[in-house]
Amino acid sequence: MSLKAWLLLLLNISLILAGQTLIRLELDRMGGFEFSNLLKAATSPGILGGVVLLTLALPVWFKLLTMVPFSTAFPAQGLIHFLGIIVGWLVFSEYVPTVRWIGGLFLMVGAYLVSLQ
């Protein structure tokens, strides 16, 4: 993948991670989610902010799909899984066992390998 494609991929991943993180933080603040509080959740600032970020990720993904083959772009986006582990650990103070760190590293290496032309 070209440098431009990598930058778009990282922007897409960043927008998705930030959006999902905002949503999770808001759900935690609300005490969780139940279908009975769907309207309250859907109109809360954190959820709306997360949805905006996820929506902004779409045109970035569209552009990336026009630049590289789907079989390259989609697996390369797998980097998000390892970064998600880091966000869980740093932002949500989640315990991450060693095996999950190792698995995440394998995912990163795999994402990089599929990106090679």
N, C-alpha and C. Protein backbone atom coordinates (compact mmCIF):
# COMPACT_ATOMS: atom_id res chain seq x y z
N MET A 1 0.85 -1.18 0.00
CA MET A 1 0.00 0.00 0.00
C MET A 1 0.89 1.24 0.00
N SER A 2 0.41 2.27 -0.64
CA SER A 2 1.14 3.52 -0.69
C SER A 2 1.06 4.24 0.66
N LEU A 3 1.90 5.23 0.85
CA LEU A 3 1.86 6.02 2.08
C LEU A 3 0.50 6.69 2.25
N LYS A 4 -0.06 7.21 1.16
CA LYS A 4 -1.38 7.84 1.23
C LYS A 4 -2.45 6.84 1.68
N ALA A 5 -2.38 5.62 1.15
CA ALA A 5 -3.34 4.59 1.56
C ALA A 5 -3.18 4.26 3.04
N TRP A 6 -1.94 4.13 3.50
CA TRP A 6 -1.70 3.85 4.92
C TRP A 6 -2.25 4.97 5.80
N LEU A 7 -2.05 6.21 5.37
CA LEU A 7 -2.55 7.33 6.17
C LEU A 7 -4.07 7.33 6.22
N LEU A 8 -4.70 7.03 5.09
CA LEU A 8 -6.17 6.93 5.08
C LEU A 8 -6.64 5.78 5.97
N LEU A 9 -5.94 4.66 5.91
CA LEU A 9 -6.29 3.52 6.76
C LEU A 9 -6.19 3.90 8.23
N LEU A 10 -5.10 4.57 8.61
CA LEU A 10 -4.92 4.97 10.01
C LEU A 10 -5.96 6.01 10.43
N LEU A 11 -6.33 6.91 9.52
CA LEU A 11 -7.38 7.87 9.83
C LEU A 11 -8.71 7.15 10.04
N ASN A 12 -9.02 6.21 9.17
CA ASN A 12 -10.25 5.43 9.29
C ASN A 12 -10.29 4.68 10.62
N ILE A 13 -9.21 4.01 10.94
CA ILE A 13 -9.12 3.26 12.19
C ILE A 13 -9.26 4.20 13.39
N SER A 14 -8.62 5.35 13.33
CA SER A 14 -8.68 6.31 14.44
C SER A 14 -10.10 6.82 14.65
N LEU A 15 -10.79 7.13 13.57
CA LEU A 15 -12.17 7.60 13.69
C LEU A 15 -13.07 6.52 14.28
N ILE A 16 -12.89 5.29 13.83
CA ILE A 16 -13.71 4.18 14.35
C ILE A 16 -13.42 3.95 15.83
N LEU A 17 -12.14 3.89 16.19
CA LEU A 17 -11.79 3.67 17.60
C LEU A 17 -12.29 4.80 18.49
N ALA A 18 -12.13 6.03 18.04
CA ALA A 18 -12.58 7.17 18.84
C ALA A 18 -14.10 7.13 18.99
N GLY A 19 -14.81 6.82 17.92
CA GLY A 19 -16.26 6.74 17.98
C GLY A 19 -16.73 5.65 18.92
N GLN A 20 -16.15 4.48 18.80
CA GLN A 20 -16.55 3.37 19.69
C GLN A 20 -16.19 3.66 21.14
N THR A 21 -15.06 4.34 21.34
CA THR A 21 -14.64 4.69 22.71
C THR A 21 -15.61 5.68 23.32
N LEU A 22 -16.01 6.70 22.56
CA LEU A 22 -17.00 7.65 23.06
C LEU A 22 -18.31 6.96 23.42
N ILE A 23 -18.75 6.06 22.57
CA ILE A 23 -19.99 5.34 22.83
C ILE A 23 -19.88 4.53 24.11
N ARG A 24 -18.79 3.82 24.26
CA ARG A 24 -18.60 3.00 25.47
C ARG A 24 -18.53 3.86 26.73
N LEU A 25 -17.80 4.98 26.65
CA LEU A 25 -17.72 5.87 27.81
C LEU A 25 -19.11 6.39 28.21
N GLU A 26 -19.89 6.75 27.21
CA GLU A 26 -21.24 7.24 27.49
C GLU A 26 -22.13 6.15 28.07
N LEU A 27 -22.03 4.95 27.52
CA LEU A 27 -22.83 3.84 28.06
C LEU A 27 -22.43 3.53 29.50
N ASP A 28 -21.13 3.61 29.79
CA ASP A 28 -20.68 3.40 31.17
C ASP A 28 -21.25 4.49 32.08
N ARG A 29 -21.23 5.74 31.60
CA ARG A 29 -21.76 6.86 32.38
C ARG A 29 -23.26 6.67 32.65
N MET A 30 -23.96 6.10 31.68
CA MET A 30 -25.40 5.88 31.81
C MET A 30 -25.73 4.66 32.66
N GLY A 31 -24.74 3.88 33.01
CA GLY A 31 -24.98 2.68 33.80
C GLY A 31 -25.30 1.46 32.97
N GLY A 32 -24.97 1.51 31.69
CA GLY A 32 -25.21 0.38 30.80
C GLY A 32 -26.31 0.69 29.80
N PHE A 33 -26.67 -0.31 29.05
CA PHE A 33 -27.69 -0.15 28.02
C PHE A 33 -28.76 -1.20 28.18
N GLU A 34 -29.98 -0.75 28.06
CA GLU A 34 -31.14 -1.61 27.98
C GLU A 34 -31.98 -1.10 26.82
N PHE A 35 -32.68 -1.97 26.15
CA PHE A 35 -33.52 -1.52 25.04
C PHE A 35 -34.57 -0.51 25.50
N SER A 36 -34.93 -0.58 26.77
CA SER A 36 -35.92 0.36 27.30
C SER A 36 -35.39 1.79 27.37
N ASN A 37 -34.06 1.97 27.37
CA ASN A 37 -33.52 3.33 27.39
C ASN A 37 -32.85 3.68 26.06
N LEU A 38 -33.31 3.07 24.99
CA LEU A 38 -32.74 3.31 23.66
C LEU A 38 -32.83 4.78 23.26
N LEU A 39 -33.96 5.40 23.46
CA LEU A 39 -34.12 6.80 23.07
C LEU A 39 -33.18 7.70 23.86
N LYS A 40 -33.07 7.46 25.15
CA LYS A 40 -32.16 8.24 25.99
C LYS A 40 -30.72 8.05 25.52
N ALA A 41 -30.35 6.81 25.24
CA ALA A 41 -28.99 6.53 24.78
C ALA A 41 -28.73 7.18 23.42
N ALA A 42 -29.68 7.05 22.52
CA ALA A 42 -29.50 7.54 21.15
C ALA A 42 -29.40 9.06 21.08
N THR A 43 -29.91 9.74 22.08
CA THR A 43 -29.88 11.20 22.06
C THR A 43 -28.85 11.80 23.01
N SER A 44 -28.05 10.96 23.64
CA SER A 44 -27.04 11.47 24.56
C SER A 44 -25.83 11.99 23.78
N PRO A 45 -25.17 13.02 24.30
CA PRO A 45 -24.05 13.63 23.58
C PRO A 45 -22.91 12.66 23.24
N GLY A 46 -22.57 11.78 24.15
CA GLY A 46 -21.49 10.84 23.90
C GLY A 46 -21.81 9.86 22.78
N ILE A 47 -23.04 9.37 22.78
CA ILE A 47 -23.46 8.45 21.72
C ILE A 47 -23.51 9.18 20.39
N LEU A 48 -24.11 10.37 20.39
CA LEU A 48 -24.18 11.14 19.15
C LEU A 48 -22.79 11.49 18.62
N GLY A 49 -21.89 11.85 19.51
CA GLY A 49 -20.51 12.13 19.10
C GLY A 49 -19.85 10.91 18.49
N GLY A 50 -20.07 9.77 19.11
CA GLY A 50 -19.52 8.52 18.58
C GLY A 50 -20.08 8.19 17.21
N VAL A 51 -21.38 8.40 17.04
CA VAL A 51 -22.02 8.12 15.75
C VAL A 51 -21.47 9.07 14.67
N VAL A 52 -21.25 10.33 15.04
CA VAL A 52 -20.67 11.28 14.09
C VAL A 52 -19.28 10.80 13.64
N LEU A 53 -18.45 10.38 14.59
CA LEU A 53 -17.11 9.90 14.24
C LEU A 53 -17.17 8.66 13.35
N LEU A 54 -18.08 7.74 13.68
CA LEU A 54 -18.23 6.55 12.85
C LEU A 54 -18.71 6.92 11.45
N THR A 55 -19.58 7.90 11.36
CA THR A 55 -20.08 8.36 10.06
C THR A 55 -18.96 9.02 9.26
N LEU A 56 -18.10 9.79 9.93
CA LEU A 56 -16.97 10.42 9.25
C LEU A 56 -15.97 9.38 8.72
N ALA A 57 -15.94 8.23 9.35
CA ALA A 57 -15.03 7.18 8.90
C ALA A 57 -15.46 6.59 7.56
N LEU A 58 -16.75 6.66 7.25
CA LEU A 58 -17.25 6.04 6.02
C LEU A 58 -16.64 6.61 4.74
N PRO A 59 -16.64 7.93 4.52
CA PRO A 59 -16.04 8.42 3.27
C PRO A 59 -14.54 8.14 3.19
N VAL A 60 -13.88 8.09 4.33
CA VAL A 60 -12.45 7.74 4.32
C VAL A 60 -12.29 6.30 3.83
N TRP A 61 -13.16 5.42 4.33
CA TRP A 61 -13.14 4.01 3.90
C TRP A 61 -13.47 3.90 2.42
N PHE A 62 -14.46 4.67 1.97
CA PHE A 62 -14.82 4.65 0.55
C PHE A 62 -13.62 5.01 -0.31
N LYS A 63 -12.89 6.06 0.08
CA LYS A 63 -11.72 6.49 -0.69
C LYS A 63 -10.65 5.39 -0.68
N LEU A 64 -10.43 4.81 0.47
CA LEU A 64 -9.43 3.74 0.57
C LEU A 64 -9.79 2.57 -0.33
N LEU A 65 -11.06 2.23 -0.39
CA LEU A 65 -11.50 1.12 -1.24
C LEU A 65 -11.29 1.39 -2.72
N THR A 66 -11.24 2.66 -3.10
CA THR A 66 -10.98 2.99 -4.50
C THR A 66 -9.49 3.00 -4.81
N MET A 67 -8.66 2.95 -3.78
CA MET A 67 -7.21 3.04 -3.98
C MET A 67 -6.50 1.69 -3.95
N VAL A 68 -7.03 0.77 -3.16
CA VAL A 68 -6.36 -0.53 -2.99
C VAL A 68 -7.40 -1.64 -3.13
N PRO A 69 -6.97 -2.84 -3.48
CA PRO A 69 -7.92 -3.94 -3.58
C PRO A 69 -8.61 -4.22 -2.24
N PHE A 70 -9.85 -4.66 -2.32
CA PHE A 70 -10.61 -5.00 -1.12
C PHE A 70 -9.86 -6.05 -0.29
N SER A 71 -9.25 -7.01 -0.99
CA SER A 71 -8.54 -8.08 -0.29
C SER A 71 -7.29 -7.58 0.42
N THR A 72 -6.90 -6.35 0.18
CA THR A 72 -5.80 -5.71 0.90
C THR A 72 -6.36 -4.79 1.99
N ALA A 73 -7.30 -3.94 1.61
CA ALA A 73 -7.82 -2.93 2.54
C ALA A 73 -8.51 -3.55 3.75
N PHE A 74 -9.38 -4.51 3.51
CA PHE A 74 -10.18 -5.06 4.61
C PHE A 74 -9.30 -5.78 5.64
N PRO A 75 -8.41 -6.69 5.23
CA PRO A 75 -7.56 -7.31 6.25
C PRO A 75 -6.60 -6.33 6.92
N ALA A 76 -6.13 -5.32 6.18
CA ALA A 76 -5.22 -4.34 6.78
C ALA A 76 -5.92 -3.56 7.88
N GLN A 77 -7.23 -3.41 7.76
CA GLN A 77 -7.98 -2.73 8.80
C GLN A 77 -7.98 -3.53 10.10
N GLY A 78 -7.51 -4.76 10.03
CA GLY A 78 -7.38 -5.60 11.22
C GLY A 78 -6.47 -5.00 12.28
N LEU A 79 -5.68 -3.98 11.90
CA LEU A 79 -4.87 -3.28 12.90
C LEU A 79 -5.74 -2.73 14.02
N ILE A 80 -6.99 -2.46 13.70
CA ILE A 80 -7.91 -1.90 14.69
C ILE A 80 -8.06 -2.83 15.91
N HIS A 81 -7.91 -4.11 15.70
CA HIS A 81 -8.10 -5.05 16.80
C HIS A 81 -7.02 -4.89 17.86
N PHE A 82 -5.77 -4.75 17.42
CA PHE A 82 -4.68 -4.55 18.39
C PHE A 82 -4.81 -3.19 19.06
N LEU A 83 -5.14 -2.18 18.29
CA LEU A 83 -5.31 -0.85 18.87
C LEU A 83 -6.49 -0.83 19.84
N GLY A 84 -7.51 -1.63 19.56
CA GLY A 84 -8.63 -1.76 20.48
C GLY A 84 -8.22 -2.36 21.81
N ILE A 85 -7.29 -3.30 21.77
CA ILE A 85 -6.76 -3.88 23.01
C ILE A 85 -6.06 -2.79 23.82
N ILE A 86 -5.28 -1.96 23.14
CA ILE A 86 -4.57 -0.87 23.82
C ILE A 86 -5.55 0.12 24.43
N VAL A 87 -6.60 0.48 23.69
CA VAL A 87 -7.61 1.41 24.21
C VAL A 87 -8.31 0.80 25.43
N GLY A 88 -8.67 -0.47 25.35
CA GLY A 88 -9.30 -1.13 26.49
C GLY A 88 -8.43 -1.08 27.73
N TRP A 89 -7.14 -1.28 27.53
CA TRP A 89 -6.17 -1.28 28.63
C TRP A 89 -5.96 0.13 29.18
N LEU A 90 -5.75 1.11 28.28
CA LEU A 90 -5.44 2.47 28.73
C LEU A 90 -6.66 3.26 29.19
N VAL A 91 -7.74 3.21 28.43
CA VAL A 91 -8.89 4.06 28.70
C VAL A 91 -9.83 3.42 29.72
N PHE A 92 -10.05 2.11 29.60
CA PHE A 92 -11.04 1.45 30.45
C PHE A 92 -10.41 0.62 31.57
N SER A 93 -9.08 0.68 31.69
CA SER A 93 -8.35 -0.04 32.74
C SER A 93 -8.68 -1.53 32.75
N GLU A 94 -8.89 -2.10 31.56
CA GLU A 94 -9.18 -3.52 31.46
C GLU A 94 -7.91 -4.34 31.64
N TYR A 95 -8.06 -5.45 32.29
CA TYR A 95 -6.94 -6.40 32.40
C TYR A 95 -6.80 -7.10 31.05
N VAL A 96 -5.58 -7.09 30.53
CA VAL A 96 -5.32 -7.75 29.25
C VAL A 96 -4.29 -8.85 29.50
N PRO A 97 -4.71 -10.10 29.41
CA PRO A 97 -3.77 -11.19 29.65
C PRO A 97 -2.71 -11.26 28.55
N THR A 98 -1.61 -11.86 28.88
CA THR A 98 -0.49 -11.97 27.95
C THR A 98 -0.89 -12.60 26.63
N VAL A 99 -1.71 -13.62 26.68
CA VAL A 99 -2.11 -14.31 25.46
C VAL A 99 -2.86 -13.37 24.51
N ARG A 100 -3.61 -12.41 25.07
CA ARG A 100 -4.33 -11.45 24.22
C ARG A 100 -3.35 -10.47 23.58
N TRP A 101 -2.32 -10.05 24.34
CA TRP A 101 -1.28 -9.18 23.75
C TRP A 101 -0.58 -9.90 22.61
N ILE A 102 -0.26 -11.16 22.83
CA ILE A 102 0.42 -11.94 21.78
C ILE A 102 -0.48 -12.09 20.56
N GLY A 103 -1.73 -12.43 20.80
CA GLY A 103 -2.68 -12.54 19.69
C GLY A 103 -2.83 -11.24 18.94
N GLY A 104 -2.87 -10.13 19.67
CA GLY A 104 -2.96 -8.82 19.04
C GLY A 104 -1.75 -8.51 18.17
N LEU A 105 -0.57 -8.91 18.65
CA LEU A 105 0.64 -8.72 17.84
C LEU A 105 0.59 -9.55 16.57
N PHE A 106 0.08 -10.77 16.67
CA PHE A 106 -0.08 -11.60 15.47
C PHE A 106 -1.03 -10.93 14.48
N LEU A 107 -2.10 -10.34 14.99
CA LEU A 107 -3.04 -9.64 14.11
C LEU A 107 -2.37 -8.46 13.41
N MET A 108 -1.53 -7.72 14.16
CA MET A 108 -0.84 -6.59 13.55
C MET A 108 0.11 -7.05 12.46
N VAL A 109 0.87 -8.10 12.74
CA VAL A 109 1.80 -8.63 11.73
C VAL A 109 1.02 -9.12 10.52
N GLY A 110 -0.07 -9.81 10.74
CA GLY A 110 -0.89 -10.29 9.64
C GLY A 110 -1.47 -9.16 8.81
N ALA A 111 -1.94 -8.11 9.50
CA ALA A 111 -2.48 -6.94 8.79
C ALA A 111 -1.41 -6.30 7.91
N TYR A 112 -0.21 -6.23 8.44
CA TYR A 112 0.90 -5.67 7.66
C TYR A 112 1.22 -6.56 6.46
N LEU A 113 1.28 -7.85 6.68
CA LEU A 113 1.64 -8.78 5.60
C LEU A 113 0.64 -8.73 4.44
N VAL A 114 -0.65 -8.64 4.75
CA VAL A 114 -1.62 -8.60 3.66
C VAL A 114 -1.59 -7.28 2.92
N SER A 115 -0.99 -6.26 3.52
CA SER A 115 -0.92 -4.96 2.86
C SER A 115 0.22 -4.89 1.85
N LEU A 116 1.12 -5.86 1.90
CA LEU A 116 2.26 -5.85 0.97
C LEU A 116 1.78 -6.17 -0.44
N GLN A 117 2.31 -5.47 -1.39
CA GLN A 117 1.92 -5.68 -2.79
C GLN A 117 2.71 -6.84 -3.39
